[in-house]
Amino acid sequence: MIELLNSRDALVKSLTAKMKVKPEEVGERLDKMLDDAKSTQKQLEALKAELALAKCAALATAAATAPNGAKMVVERLDGVDAKSLQGAAEQLLTSLGDSAAVVLASEVDGKVSVLSL
């Protein structure tokens, strides 16, 4: 039992030293750190979506034209999540017009997304 208490005490001391707080403030500080991490993650996702849209604006100007006049874009945008990839593809399709084909692919954390419109 004493060993367990000593190990818990060491853990609390380690946490308070790293967080630079008193032992009774560890929970509150951890909650704030988790909230900050969630907020930062949301901001990062929003910026990635904006980046994907900006890349697609450049892709629209470089679209290939098929013999029948249809515009085509086939591109890989790594680091763009599936939701952002969908939004970017829809915007790209809108800017290219009715007779267009868009194929976008992305890899994020080992997961591959492929989207065709």
Foldseek 3Di string as FASTA:
>chain_A
DVVVVVVVVVVLVVQCVVQVHDSVCSVVSVVVVVVVVVVVVVVVLVVLLVVLLVVLVVQLVVWDADPVGETEEAEEDEPHDPVSNVVNQVVSDVSRDDRYKYWYWYADPNDIDIDID
